[in-house]
C-alpha atoms as a PDB file:
ATOM      1  CA  MET A   1      69.483 125.930 -87.060  1.00  0.00           C
ATOM      2  CA  LYS A   2      70.547 128.434 -84.423  1.00  0.00           C
ATOM      3  CA  ALA A   3      67.305 130.360 -83.750  1.00  0.00           C
ATOM      4  CA  SER A   4      63.570 130.191 -84.431  1.00  0.00           C
ATOM      5  CA  VAL A   5      61.357 133.289 -84.355  1.00  0.00           C
ATOM      6  CA  ILE A   6      57.684 132.496 -83.780  1.00  0.00           C
ATOM      7  CA  VAL A   7      55.014 135.005 -84.819  1.00  0.00           C
ATOM      8  CA  LEU A   8      51.355 134.325 -84.121  1.00  0.00           C
ATOM      9  CA  THR A   9      48.982 136.331 -86.294  1.00  0.00           C
ATOM     10  CA  CYS A  10      45.235 136.690 -86.536  1.00  0.00           C
ATOM     11  CA  ASP A  11      43.451 139.338 -88.602  1.00  0.00           C
ATOM     12  CA  ARG A  12      46.374 141.753 -88.715  1.00  0.00           C
ATOM     13  CA  GLU A  13      46.647 142.334 -92.455  1.00  0.00           C
ATOM     14  CA  HIS A  14      47.603 145.978 -91.893  1.00  0.00           C
ATOM     15  CA  TRP A  15      50.456 145.079 -89.510  1.00  0.00           C
ATOM     16  CA  ILE A  16      51.848 141.624 -90.275  1.00  0.00           C
ATOM     17  CA  GLY A  17      53.885 142.642 -93.347  1.00  0.00           C
ATOM     18  CA  ARG A  18      55.756 145.290 -91.381  1.00  0.00           C
ATOM     19  CA  SER A  19      56.609 142.809 -88.625  1.00  0.00           C
ATOM     20  CA  ILE A  20      57.795 140.147 -91.077  1.00  0.00           C
ATOM     21  CA  ARG A  21      60.017 142.679 -92.860  1.00  0.00           C
ATOM     22  CA  SER A  22      61.504 143.740 -89.532  1.00  0.00           C
ATOM     23  CA  ILE A  23      62.409 140.135 -88.752  1.00  0.00           C
ATOM     24  CA  LEU A  24      63.813 139.391 -92.202  1.00  0.00           C
ATOM     25  CA  ARG A  25      66.109 142.428 -91.884  1.00  0.00           C
ATOM     26  CA  GLN A  26      67.881 140.855 -88.914  1.00  0.00           C
ATOM     27  CA  ASP A  27      71.657 140.749 -89.264  1.00  0.00           C
ATOM     28  CA  PHE A  28      71.773 137.328 -87.588  1.00  0.00           C
ATOM     29  CA  PRO A  29      72.620 134.775 -90.299  1.00  0.00           C
ATOM     30  CA  ASP A  30      71.060 131.533 -89.074  1.00  0.00           C
ATOM     31  CA  PHE A  31      67.377 131.712 -88.179  1.00  0.00           C
ATOM     32  CA  GLU A  32      63.947 130.653 -89.349  1.00  0.00           C
ATOM     33  CA  LEU A  33      60.701 132.594 -89.113  1.00  0.00           C
ATOM     34  CA  ILE A  34      57.600 130.580 -88.267  1.00  0.00           C
ATOM     35  CA  VAL A  35      54.345 132.473 -88.841  1.00  0.00           C
ATOM     36  CA  VAL A  36      51.375 130.768 -87.198  1.00  0.00           C
ATOM     37  CA  ASP A  37      48.158 131.918 -88.876  1.00  0.00           C
ATOM     38  CA  ASN A  38      45.695 131.515 -86.029  1.00  0.00           C
ATOM     39  CA  GLY A  39      42.516 131.313 -88.107  1.00  0.00           C
ATOM     40  CA  SER A  40      42.712 134.730 -89.783  1.00  0.00           C
ATOM     41  CA  ARG A  41      39.600 135.834 -91.661  1.00  0.00           C
ATOM     42  CA  ASP A  42      41.437 138.605 -93.490  1.00  0.00           C
ATOM     43  CA  ALA A  43      44.519 138.530 -95.744  1.00  0.00           C
ATOM     44  CA  SER A  44      47.081 138.038 -92.941  1.00  0.00           C
ATOM     45  CA  GLY A  45      47.768 134.421 -93.883  1.00  0.00           C
ATOM     46  CA  LEU A  46      48.044 135.247 -97.585  1.00  0.00           C
ATOM     47  CA  ILE A  47      50.508 138.042 -96.871  1.00  0.00           C
ATOM     48  CA  ALA A  48      52.646 135.690 -94.776  1.00  0.00           C
ATOM     49  CA  ALA A  49      52.447 133.014 -97.488  1.00  0.00           C
ATOM     50  CA  GLU A  50      53.763 135.471-100.080  1.00  0.00           C
ATOM     51  CA  TYR A  51      56.795 136.192 -97.912  1.00  0.00           C
ATOM     52  CA  ALA A  52      57.310 132.432 -97.499  1.00  0.00           C
ATOM     53  CA  ARG A  53      57.203 132.006-101.276  1.00  0.00           C
ATOM     54  CA  ARG A  54      59.945 134.606-101.711  1.00  0.00           C
ATOM     55  CA  ASP A  55      62.167 133.778 -98.718  1.00  0.00           C
ATOM     56  CA  PRO A  56      63.088 130.204 -97.677  1.00  0.00           C
ATOM     57  CA  ARG A  57      63.605 131.322 -94.077  1.00  0.00           C
ATOM     58  CA  VAL A  58      59.839 131.782 -93.695  1.00  0.00           C
ATOM     59  CA  ARG A  59      57.364 129.004 -92.956  1.00  0.00           C
ATOM     60  CA  VAL A  60      53.624 129.470 -92.456  1.00  0.00           C
ATOM     61  CA  LEU A  61      51.468 127.203 -90.301  1.00  0.00           C
ATOM     62  CA  ARG A  62      47.713 127.472 -90.752  1.00  0.00           C
ATOM     63  CA  ARG A  63      45.387 126.380 -87.979  1.00  0.00           C
ATOM     64  CA  GLU A  64      41.842 126.892 -86.838  1.00  0.00           C
ATOM     65  CA  ARG A  65      41.313 129.889 -84.634  1.00  0.00           C
ATOM     66  CA  GLY A  66      42.322 129.190 -81.052  1.00  0.00           C
ATOM     67  CA  THR A  67      44.007 130.792 -78.083  1.00  0.00           C
ATOM     68  CA  ILE A  68      47.323 132.615 -78.262  1.00  0.00           C
ATOM     69  CA  SER A  69      48.802 129.884 -76.082  1.00  0.00           C
ATOM     70  CA  ALA A  70      47.729 127.068 -78.394  1.00  0.00           C
ATOM     71  CA  GLY A  71      49.112 128.953 -81.382  1.00  0.00           C
ATOM     72  CA  ARG A  72      52.470 129.486 -79.737  1.00  0.00           C
ATOM     73  CA  ASN A  73      52.649 125.816 -78.805  1.00  0.00           C
ATOM     74  CA  ALA A  74      52.043 124.948 -82.461  1.00  0.00           C
ATOM     75  CA  GLY A  75      54.964 127.187 -83.370  1.00  0.00           C
ATOM     76  CA  LEU A  76      57.148 125.510 -80.760  1.00  0.00           C
ATOM     77  CA  ASP A  77      56.293 122.081 -82.164  1.00  0.00           C
ATOM     78  CA  ALA A  78      57.511 123.201 -85.582  1.00  0.00           C
ATOM     79  CA  ALA A  79      60.611 125.068 -84.386  1.00  0.00           C
ATOM     80  CA  ARG A  80      64.066 123.691 -85.213  1.00  0.00           C
ATOM     81  CA  GLY A  81      66.248 126.351 -83.623  1.00  0.00           C
ATOM     82  CA  GLU A  82      68.379 125.991 -80.521  1.00  0.00           C
ATOM     83  CA  TRP A  83      67.015 129.348 -79.356  1.00  0.00           C
ATOM     84  CA  ILE A  84      63.390 130.525 -79.381  1.00  0.00           C
ATOM     85  CA  ALA A  85      62.194 134.110 -79.756  1.00  0.00           C
ATOM     86  CA  PHE A  86      58.573 135.263 -79.849  1.00  0.00           C
ATOM     87  CA  PHE A  87      57.539 138.284 -81.892  1.00  0.00           C
ATOM     88  CA  ASP A  88      54.157 140.015 -81.901  1.00  0.00           C
ATOM     89  CA  ASP A  89      52.538 140.544 -85.284  1.00  0.00           C
ATOM     90  CA  ASP A  90      52.252 144.324 -84.927  1.00  0.00           C
ATOM     91  CA  ASP A  91      55.719 145.086 -83.541  1.00  0.00           C
ATOM     92  CA  THR A  92      59.200 145.815 -84.896  1.00  0.00           C
ATOM     93  CA  ALA A  93      62.791 145.286 -83.753  1.00  0.00           C
ATOM     94  CA  GLU A  94      66.264 146.647 -84.336  1.00  0.00           C
ATOM     95  CA  PRO A  95      68.285 144.770 -86.999  1.00  0.00           C
ATOM     96  CA  ASP A  96      70.566 143.355 -84.288  1.00  0.00           C
ATOM     97  CA  PHE A  97      67.723 142.168 -82.025  1.00  0.00           C
ATOM     98  CA  LEU A  98      68.450 138.473 -82.572  1.00  0.00           C
ATOM     99  CA  SER A  99      72.229 138.705 -82.742  1.00  0.00           C
ATOM    100  CA  PHE A 100      72.273 140.785 -79.547  1.00  0.00           C
ATOM    101  CA  LEU A 101      70.191 138.293 -77.555  1.00  0.00           C
ATOM    102  CA  VAL A 102      71.931 135.171 -78.886  1.00  0.00           C
ATOM    103  CA  ALA A 103      75.352 136.675 -78.137  1.00  0.00           C
ATOM    104  CA  LEU A 104      74.195 137.742 -74.671  1.00  0.00           C
ATOM    105  CA  ALA A 105      72.992 134.234 -73.859  1.00  0.00           C
ATOM    106  CA  GLU A 106      75.966 132.373 -75.321  1.00  0.00           C
ATOM    107  CA  GLU A 107      78.653 134.675 -73.934  1.00  0.00           C
ATOM    108  CA  THR A 108      77.220 134.366 -70.412  1.00  0.00           C
ATOM    109  CA  GLY A 109      76.220 130.691 -70.573  1.00  0.00           C
ATOM    110  CA  ALA A 110      72.595 131.623 -69.831  1.00  0.00           C
ATOM    111  CA  ASP A 111      69.504 129.656 -70.843  1.00  0.00           C
ATOM    112  CA  ALA A 112      67.422 132.826 -71.186  1.00  0.00           C
ATOM    113  CA  ALA A 113      68.260 136.409 -72.095  1.00  0.00           C
ATOM    114  CA  ALA A 114      66.334 139.684 -72.019  1.00  0.00           C
ATOM    115  CA  CYS A 115      66.705 143.132 -73.565  1.00  0.00           C
ATOM    116  CA  GLY A 116      64.988 146.477 -73.120  1.00  0.00           C
ATOM    117  CA  SER A 117      62.391 147.950 -75.450  1.00  0.00           C
ATOM    118  CA  TRP A 118      60.408 150.939 -76.621  1.00  0.00           C
ATOM    119  CA  LYS A 119      56.661 151.424 -76.574  1.00  0.00           C
ATOM    120  CA  GLU A 120      55.361 153.255 -79.622  1.00  0.00           C
ATOM    121  CA  VAL A 121      52.206 155.178 -78.674  1.00  0.00           C
ATOM    122  CA  ASP A 122      50.615 157.637 -81.103  1.00  0.00           C
ATOM    123  CA  GLY A 123      53.889 157.993 -82.987  1.00  0.00           C
ATOM    124  CA  ARG A 124      55.979 158.578 -79.862  1.00  0.00           C
ATOM    125  CA  ARG A 125      58.582 156.129 -78.575  1.00  0.00           C
ATOM    126  CA  LEU A 126      58.557 155.723 -74.805  1.00  0.00           C
ATOM    127  CA  PRO A 127      61.335 153.869 -72.910  1.00  0.00           C
ATOM    128  CA  ASN A 128      60.409 150.495 -71.456  1.00  0.00           C
ATOM    129  CA  PHE A 129      62.850 148.775 -69.047  1.00  0.00           C
ATOM    130  CA  ILE A 130      65.944 150.399 -70.561  1.00  0.00           C
ATOM    131  CA  GLU A 131      69.286 150.098 -68.759  1.00  0.00           C
ATOM    132  CA  ASP A 132      72.842 149.766 -70.088  1.00  0.00           C
ATOM    133  CA  ARG A 133      74.055 147.196 -67.592  1.00  0.00           C
ATOM    134  CA  ARG A 134      74.760 143.510 -68.175  1.00  0.00           C
ATOM    135  CA  LEU A 135      73.554 141.179 -65.427  1.00  0.00           C
ATOM    136  CA  LEU A 136      73.847 137.410 -65.044  1.00  0.00           C
ATOM    137  CA  LEU A 137      71.263 136.183 -62.556  1.00  0.00           C
ATOM    138  CA  THR A 138      70.360 132.965 -60.804  1.00  0.00           C
ATOM    139  CA  PRO A 139      66.825 131.679 -61.375  1.00  0.00           C
ATOM    140  CA  GLU A 140      65.755 133.072 -58.010  1.00  0.00           C
ATOM    141  CA  GLN A 141      67.218 136.497 -58.783  1.00  0.00           C
ATOM    142  CA  ALA A 142      65.600 136.553 -62.234  1.00  0.00           C
ATOM    143  CA  VAL A 143      62.169 135.641 -60.876  1.00  0.00           C
ATOM    144  CA  LEU A 144      62.522 138.320 -58.214  1.00  0.00           C
ATOM    145  CA  GLU A 145      63.189 140.893 -60.955  1.00  0.00           C
ATOM    146  CA  LEU A 146      60.055 139.647 -62.701  1.00  0.00           C
ATOM    147  CA  LEU A 147      57.996 140.026 -59.524  1.00  0.00           C
ATOM    148  CA  LEU A 148      59.466 143.470 -58.859  1.00  0.00           C
ATOM    149  CA  ARG A 149      58.789 144.588 -62.454  1.00  0.00           C
ATOM    150  CA  ARG A 150      61.943 146.633 -62.124  1.00  0.00           C
ATOM    151  CA  ARG A 151      63.948 145.351 -65.096  1.00  0.00           C
ATOM    152  CA  CYS A 152      61.346 143.297 -66.935  1.00  0.00           C
ATOM    153  CA  ASN A 153      57.766 142.154 -67.046  1.00  0.00           C
ATOM    154  CA  ALA A 154      56.273 138.912 -68.318  1.00  0.00           C
ATOM    155  CA  ALA A 155      56.139 139.908 -71.999  1.00  0.00           C
ATOM    156  CA  THR A 156      57.925 137.240 -74.047  1.00  0.00           C
ATOM    157  CA  PRO A 157      59.033 139.296 -77.104  1.00  0.00           C
ATOM    158  CA  THR A 158      61.958 140.942 -75.286  1.00  0.00           C
ATOM    159  CA  LYS A 159      63.308 137.546 -74.260  1.00  0.00           C
ATOM    160  CA  LEU A 160      65.185 134.636 -75.797  1.00  0.00           C
ATOM    161  CA  PHE A 161      64.856 131.100 -74.442  1.00  0.00           C
ATOM    162  CA  ARG A 162      66.808 127.916 -74.975  1.00  0.00           C
ATOM    163  CA  ARG A 163      64.390 125.561 -76.711  1.00  0.00           C
ATOM    164  CA  SER A 164      65.033 122.743 -74.226  1.00  0.00           C
ATOM    165  CA  LEU A 165      63.257 124.781 -71.515  1.00  0.00           C
ATOM    166  CA  PHE A 166      59.963 124.164 -73.307  1.00  0.00           C
ATOM    167  CA  SER A 167      60.250 120.409 -72.855  1.00  0.00           C
ATOM    168  CA  GLU A 168      59.073 121.027 -69.287  1.00  0.00           C
ATOM    169  CA  HIS A 169      56.993 124.175 -69.651  1.00  0.00           C
ATOM    170  CA  ARG A 170      54.380 124.785 -72.331  1.00  0.00           C
ATOM    171  CA  PHE A 171      51.906 127.596 -72.725  1.00  0.00           C
ATOM    172  CA  PRO A 172      48.579 126.671 -71.070  1.00  0.00           C
ATOM    173  CA  GLU A 173      46.388 125.800 -74.049  1.00  0.00           C
ATOM    174  CA  ARG A 174      43.210 127.481 -72.822  1.00  0.00           C
ATOM    175  CA  ALA A 175      44.848 130.702 -71.624  1.00  0.00           C
ATOM    176  CA  ARG A 176      44.261 133.842 -73.656  1.00  0.00           C
ATOM    177  CA  TYR A 177      47.003 135.780 -71.867  1.00  0.00           C
ATOM    178  CA  ASP A 178      49.900 133.393 -71.877  1.00  0.00           C
ATOM    179  CA  ASP A 179      53.032 135.282 -70.879  1.00  0.00           C
ATOM    180  CA  ILE A 180      52.126 135.683 -67.219  1.00  0.00           C
ATOM    181  CA  ALA A 181      51.520 131.937 -66.892  1.00  0.00           C
ATOM    182  CA  VAL A 182      54.842 130.655 -68.218  1.00  0.00           C
ATOM    183  CA  VAL A 183      57.757 133.140 -68.097  1.00  0.00           C
ATOM    184  CA  TYR A 184      58.413 132.708 -64.364  1.00  0.00           C
ATOM    185  CA  ARG A 185      58.520 128.944 -64.906  1.00  0.00           C
ATOM    186  CA  LEU A 186      61.037 129.287 -67.729  1.00  0.00           C
ATOM    187  CA  PHE A 187      63.225 131.552 -65.583  1.00  0.00           C
ATOM    188  CA  THR A 188      63.025 129.045 -62.732  1.00  0.00           C
ATOM    189  CA  SER A 189      64.226 126.194 -64.952  1.00  0.00           C
ATOM    190  CA  ALA A 190      67.068 128.188 -66.518  1.00  0.00           C
ATOM    191  CA  ARG A 191      70.564 127.696 -65.136  1.00  0.00           C
ATOM    192  CA  ARG A 192      71.168 131.431 -65.498  1.00  0.00           C
ATOM    193  CA  VAL A 193      69.243 134.379 -66.956  1.00  0.00           C
ATOM    194  CA  ALA A 194      71.112 137.261 -68.615  1.00  0.00           C
ATOM    195  CA  PHE A 195      69.809 140.825 -68.747  1.00  0.00           C
ATOM    196  CA  HIS A 196      71.173 143.686 -70.827  1.00  0.00           C
ATOM    197  CA  ASN A 197      68.329 146.130 -71.227  1.00  0.00           C
ATOM    198  CA  LEU A 198      69.405 148.061 -74.280  1.00  0.00           C
ATOM    199  CA  PRO A 199      66.281 148.740 -76.404  1.00  0.00           C
ATOM    200  CA  LYS A 200      66.225 146.192 -79.216  1.00  0.00           C
ATOM    201  CA  TYR A 201      62.449 145.659 -79.537  1.00  0.00           C
ATOM    202  CA  CYS A 202      59.536 148.050 -80.067  1.00  0.00           C
ATOM    203  CA  PHE A 203      55.973 147.357 -78.929  1.00  0.00           C
ATOM    204  CA  THR A 204      53.311 149.132 -80.982  1.00  0.00           C
ATOM    205  CA  ARG A 205      50.355 150.186 -78.847  1.00  0.00           C
ATOM    206  CA  HIS A 206      46.964 150.595 -80.534  1.00  0.00           C
ATOM    207  CA  GLY A 207      43.320 149.798 -79.871  1.00  0.00           C
ATOM    208  CA  GLY A 208      43.544 146.394 -81.534  1.00  0.00           C
ATOM    209  CA  ASN A 209      46.222 144.991 -79.200  1.00  0.00           C
ATOM    210  CA  SER A 210      45.210 141.798 -77.417  1.00  0.00           C
ATOM    211  CA  SER A 211      46.510 143.505 -74.274  1.00  0.00           C
ATOM    212  CA  ALA A 212      44.767 146.847 -74.934  1.00  0.00           C
ATOM    213  CA  PHE A 213      42.779 146.421 -71.717  1.00  0.00           C
ATOM    214  CA  THR A 214      45.996 147.036 -69.743  1.00  0.00           C
ATOM    215  CA  THR A 215      46.014 150.672 -70.888  1.00  0.00           C
ATOM    216  CA  ASN A 216      42.275 151.215 -71.460  1.00  0.00           C
ATOM    217  CA  ASP A 217      40.301 150.375 -68.332  1.00  0.00           C
ATOM    218  CA  ARG A 218      37.022 150.380 -70.258  1.00  0.00           C
ATOM    219  CA  LEU A 219      38.106 147.244 -72.129  1.00  0.00           C
ATOM    220  CA  LEU A 220      38.321 145.150 -68.950  1.00  0.00           C
ATOM    221  CA  SER A 221      35.974 142.171 -68.847  1.00  0.00           C
ATOM    222  CA  PRO A 222      35.023 139.711 -66.094  1.00  0.00           C
ATOM    223  CA  ALA A 223      36.583 136.817 -68.033  1.00  0.00           C
ATOM    224  CA  GLN A 224      39.907 138.656 -68.399  1.00  0.00           C
ATOM    225  CA  LEU A 225      39.973 139.525 -64.721  1.00  0.00           C
ATOM    226  CA  ARG A 226      39.173 135.989 -63.587  1.00  0.00           C
ATOM    227  CA  GLU A 227      41.909 134.570 -65.806  1.00  0.00           C
ATOM    228  CA  TYR A 228      44.443 137.004 -64.370  1.00  0.00           C
ATOM    229  CA  PHE A 229      43.343 136.321 -60.787  1.00  0.00           C
ATOM    230  CA  THR A 230      43.799 132.594 -61.377  1.00  0.00           C
ATOM    231  CA  ALA A 231      47.198 133.094 -63.043  1.00  0.00           C
ATOM    232  CA  PHE A 232      48.548 135.264 -60.210  1.00  0.00           C
ATOM    233  CA  HIS A 233      47.330 132.850 -57.554  1.00  0.00           C
ATOM    234  CA  GLU A 234      48.815 129.878 -59.397  1.00  0.00           C
ATOM    235  CA  ARG A 235      52.110 131.745 -59.711  1.00  0.00           C
ATOM    236  CA  THR A 236      52.232 132.229 -55.942  1.00  0.00           C
ATOM    237  CA  ARG A 237      51.454 128.563 -55.322  1.00  0.00           C
ATOM    238  CA  TRP A 238      53.999 127.293 -57.857  1.00  0.00           C
ATOM    239  CA  LEU A 239      56.826 129.589 -56.763  1.00  0.00           C
ATOM    240  CA  SER A 240      56.206 128.765 -53.108  1.00  0.00           C
ATOM    241  CA  ASP A 241      56.901 125.143 -53.981  1.00  0.00           C
ATOM    242  CA  ARG A 242      59.829 125.631 -56.384  1.00  0.00           C
ATOM    243  CA  LEU A 243      61.515 128.732 -54.918  1.00  0.00           C
ATOM    244  CA  PRO A 244      60.367 128.773 -51.284  1.00  0.00           C
ATOM    245  CA  ARG A 245      62.579 131.733 -50.362  1.00  0.00           C
ATOM    246  CA  LEU A 246      60.430 133.837 -52.705  1.00  0.00           C
ATOM    247  CA  SER A 247      57.153 132.549 -51.280  1.00  0.00           C
ATOM    248  CA  ALA A 248      56.345 135.596 -49.150  1.00  0.00           C
ATOM    249  CA  PHE A 249      57.302 138.108 -51.833  1.00  0.00           C
ATOM    250  CA  ALA A 250      55.288 136.214 -54.462  1.00  0.00           C
ATOM    251  CA  ARG A 251      52.308 136.417 -52.127  1.00  0.00           C
ATOM    252  CA  TYR A 252      52.839 140.149 -51.697  1.00  0.00           C
ATOM    253  CA  ALA A 253      53.084 140.579 -55.501  1.00  0.00           C
ATOM    254  CA  GLU A 254      49.756 138.785 -55.900  1.00  0.00           C
ATOM    255  CA  TYR A 255      48.051 141.009 -53.347  1.00  0.00           C
ATOM    256  CA  SER A 256      49.701 144.092 -54.849  1.00  0.00           C
ATOM    257  CA  TYR A 257      48.051 143.255 -58.162  1.00  0.00           C
ATOM    258  CA  TYR A 258      44.719 142.703 -56.423  1.00  0.00           C
ATOM    259  CA  LEU A 259      44.999 146.094 -54.723  1.00  0.00           C
ATOM    260  CA  SER A 260      45.768 147.765 -58.031  1.00  0.00           C
ATOM    261  CA  MET A 261      42.792 146.147 -59.743  1.00  0.00           C
ATOM    262  CA  PHE A 262      40.460 146.887 -56.824  1.00  0.00           C
ATOM    263  CA  ALA A 263      41.397 150.577 -56.996  1.00  0.00           C
ATOM    264  CA  LYS A 264      40.962 150.590 -60.776  1.00  0.00           C
ATOM    265  CA  LEU A 265      37.531 148.925 -60.671  1.00  0.00           C
ATOM    266  CA  THR A 266      36.402 151.223 -57.860  1.00  0.00           C
ATOM    267  CA  ARG A 267      37.470 154.244 -59.904  1.00  0.00           C
ATOM    268  CA  THR A 268      35.963 153.178 -63.228  1.00  0.00           C
ATOM    269  CA  HIS A 269      32.618 151.822 -61.944  1.00  0.00           C
ATOM    270  CA  LEU A 270      32.399 149.090 -64.589  1.00  0.00           C
ATOM    271  CA  PRO A 271      29.033 147.423 -63.858  1.00  0.00           C
ATOM    272  CA  ASP A 272      29.915 144.125 -65.556  1.00  0.00           C
ATOM    273  CA  CYS A 273      32.970 143.783 -63.300  1.00  0.00           C
ATOM    274  CA  GLU A 274      31.255 144.529 -59.999  1.00  0.00           C
ATOM    275  CA  PRO A 275      31.272 140.849 -58.854  1.00  0.00           C
ATOM    276  CA  GLU A 276      35.032 140.757 -59.459  1.00  0.00           C
ATOM    277  CA  ARG A 277      35.517 144.003 -57.529  1.00  0.00           C
ATOM    278  CA  LEU A 278      33.597 142.582 -54.568  1.00  0.00           C
ATOM    279  CA  TRP A 279      35.615 139.349 -54.754  1.00  0.00           C
ATOM    280  CA  LEU A 280      38.800 141.406 -54.584  1.00  0.00           C
ATOM    281  CA  ALA A 281      37.467 143.327 -51.588  1.00  0.00           C
ATOM    282  CA  ASP A 282      36.637 140.099 -49.736  1.00  0.00           C
ATOM    283  CA  THR A 283      39.995 138.509 -50.600  1.00  0.00           C
ATOM    284  CA  LEU A 284      41.995 141.550 -49.517  1.00  0.00           C
ATOM    285  CA  ARG A 285      39.983 141.993 -46.337  1.00  0.00           C
ATOM    286  CA  GLU A 286      40.699 138.392 -45.345  1.00  0.00           C
ATOM    287  CA  ALA A 287      44.407 139.015 -46.034  1.00  0.00           C
ATOM    288  CA  LEU A 288      44.617 142.129 -43.843  1.00  0.00           C
ATOM    289  CA  PRO A 289      46.329 140.369 -40.889  1.00  0.00           C
ATOM    290  CA  TRP A 290      49.125 139.370 -43.279  1.00  0.00           C
ATOM    291  CA  LEU A 291      49.171 142.541 -45.372  1.00  0.00           C
ATOM    292  CA  GLU A 292      49.174 145.258 -42.731  1.00  0.00           C
ATOM    293  CA  PRO A 293      52.603 144.330 -41.270  1.00  0.00           C
ATOM    294  CA  CYS A 294      53.999 143.361 -44.702  1.00  0.00           C
ATOM    295  CA  PRO A 295      57.415 145.083 -45.100  1.00  0.00           C
ATOM    296  CA  TRP A 296      57.051 145.486 -48.883  1.00  0.00           C
ATOM    297  CA  LEU A 297      53.659 147.203 -48.826  1.00  0.00           C
ATOM    298  CA  GLN A 298      54.003 150.715 -50.275  1.00  0.00           C
ATOM    299  CA  ASP A 299      52.373 153.787 -48.751  1.00  0.00           C
ATOM    300  CA  PHE A 300      50.000 154.169 -51.693  1.00  0.00           C
ATOM    301  CA  GLU A 301      48.988 150.523 -51.259  1.00  0.00           C
ATOM    302  CA  ARG A 302      48.265 151.102 -47.576  1.00  0.00           C
ATOM    303  CA  ALA A 303      46.035 153.967 -48.677  1.00  0.00           C
ATOM    304  CA  ARG A 304      44.195 151.576 -50.987  1.00  0.00           C
ATOM    305  CA  LEU A 305      43.566 149.224 -48.070  1.00  0.00           C
ATOM    306  CA  CYS A 306      41.606 152.039 -46.455  1.00  0.00           C
ATOM    307  CA  LEU A 307      39.219 152.003 -49.431  1.00  0.00           C
ATOM    308  CA  LEU A 308      38.103 148.446 -48.704  1.00  0.00           C
ATOM    309  CA  PRO A 309      34.413 148.352 -47.759  1.00  0.00           C
ATOM    310  CA  ARG A 310      33.299 146.633 -44.617  1.00  0.00           C
ATOM    311  CA  LYS A 311      32.172 143.047 -45.020  1.00  0.00           C
ATOM    312  CA  GLY A 312      28.871 143.018 -46.849  1.00  0.00           C
ATOM    313  CA  GLY A 313      29.377 146.622 -47.990  1.00  0.00           C
ATOM    314  CA  ARG A 314      30.039 147.960 -51.464  1.00  0.00           C
END
């Protein structure tokens, strides 16, 4: 088996059929589709099972409801392919999505490959990391691109990974937002990472997305924020140990995220998130001696530093 596509679904009966059809239309000849039904209470699992009955490439795993990370790990345990792709249950892809990424990885000798994408919002397709240029990067270069968010972000669906990478790195079982916690580790363990950011995948944005809070500030919660704060800090710690030349930039990227979230929480006045906003203010204030001379700090970020309240203030 050359490739395994893993789709985690939960209560997406209005979307899952479209995603499965998009995958089954792939022009790549040798792949399996593993649908992990993560405790759906609607007809999502039944819809997937009907596709499995009609197409031998489809397998359905049923499990009790759990985190996205635990569901993806279950899919990995069942996967037989040399290459692993992850697909969200409300998205679509071009028919050559798989063949493009597998060819990109195998022609360059890379252990991971990435493409560009579209974001479909209210019927409009918006470009997302699109560039017609093939790049073959070292692990350090690939992680730097991830930190820069210039050619990619942490979303797994636009990426293909050699299955052997997951023998060392698994999704953290308790994490609800898994991509940020593992993609930089996979890039670090790859011999090479290939980028060719032609748009082969399409993210569908709607109010039911698990990541809807990234575009709707009102959906932010204290638990989400704390999980992200922990993930960014752990990323800095881990990269400082494994890729020490990126240590300072990883630290800047962490603080850059904190500055962004502090500005967002200050602007939106979400009462439930006030303790997190004050924690950000304290953390950033303590980091000022490092941040103020930081060569990567942007002018708009320096302006955000001026918004920090004095110690004990609000």
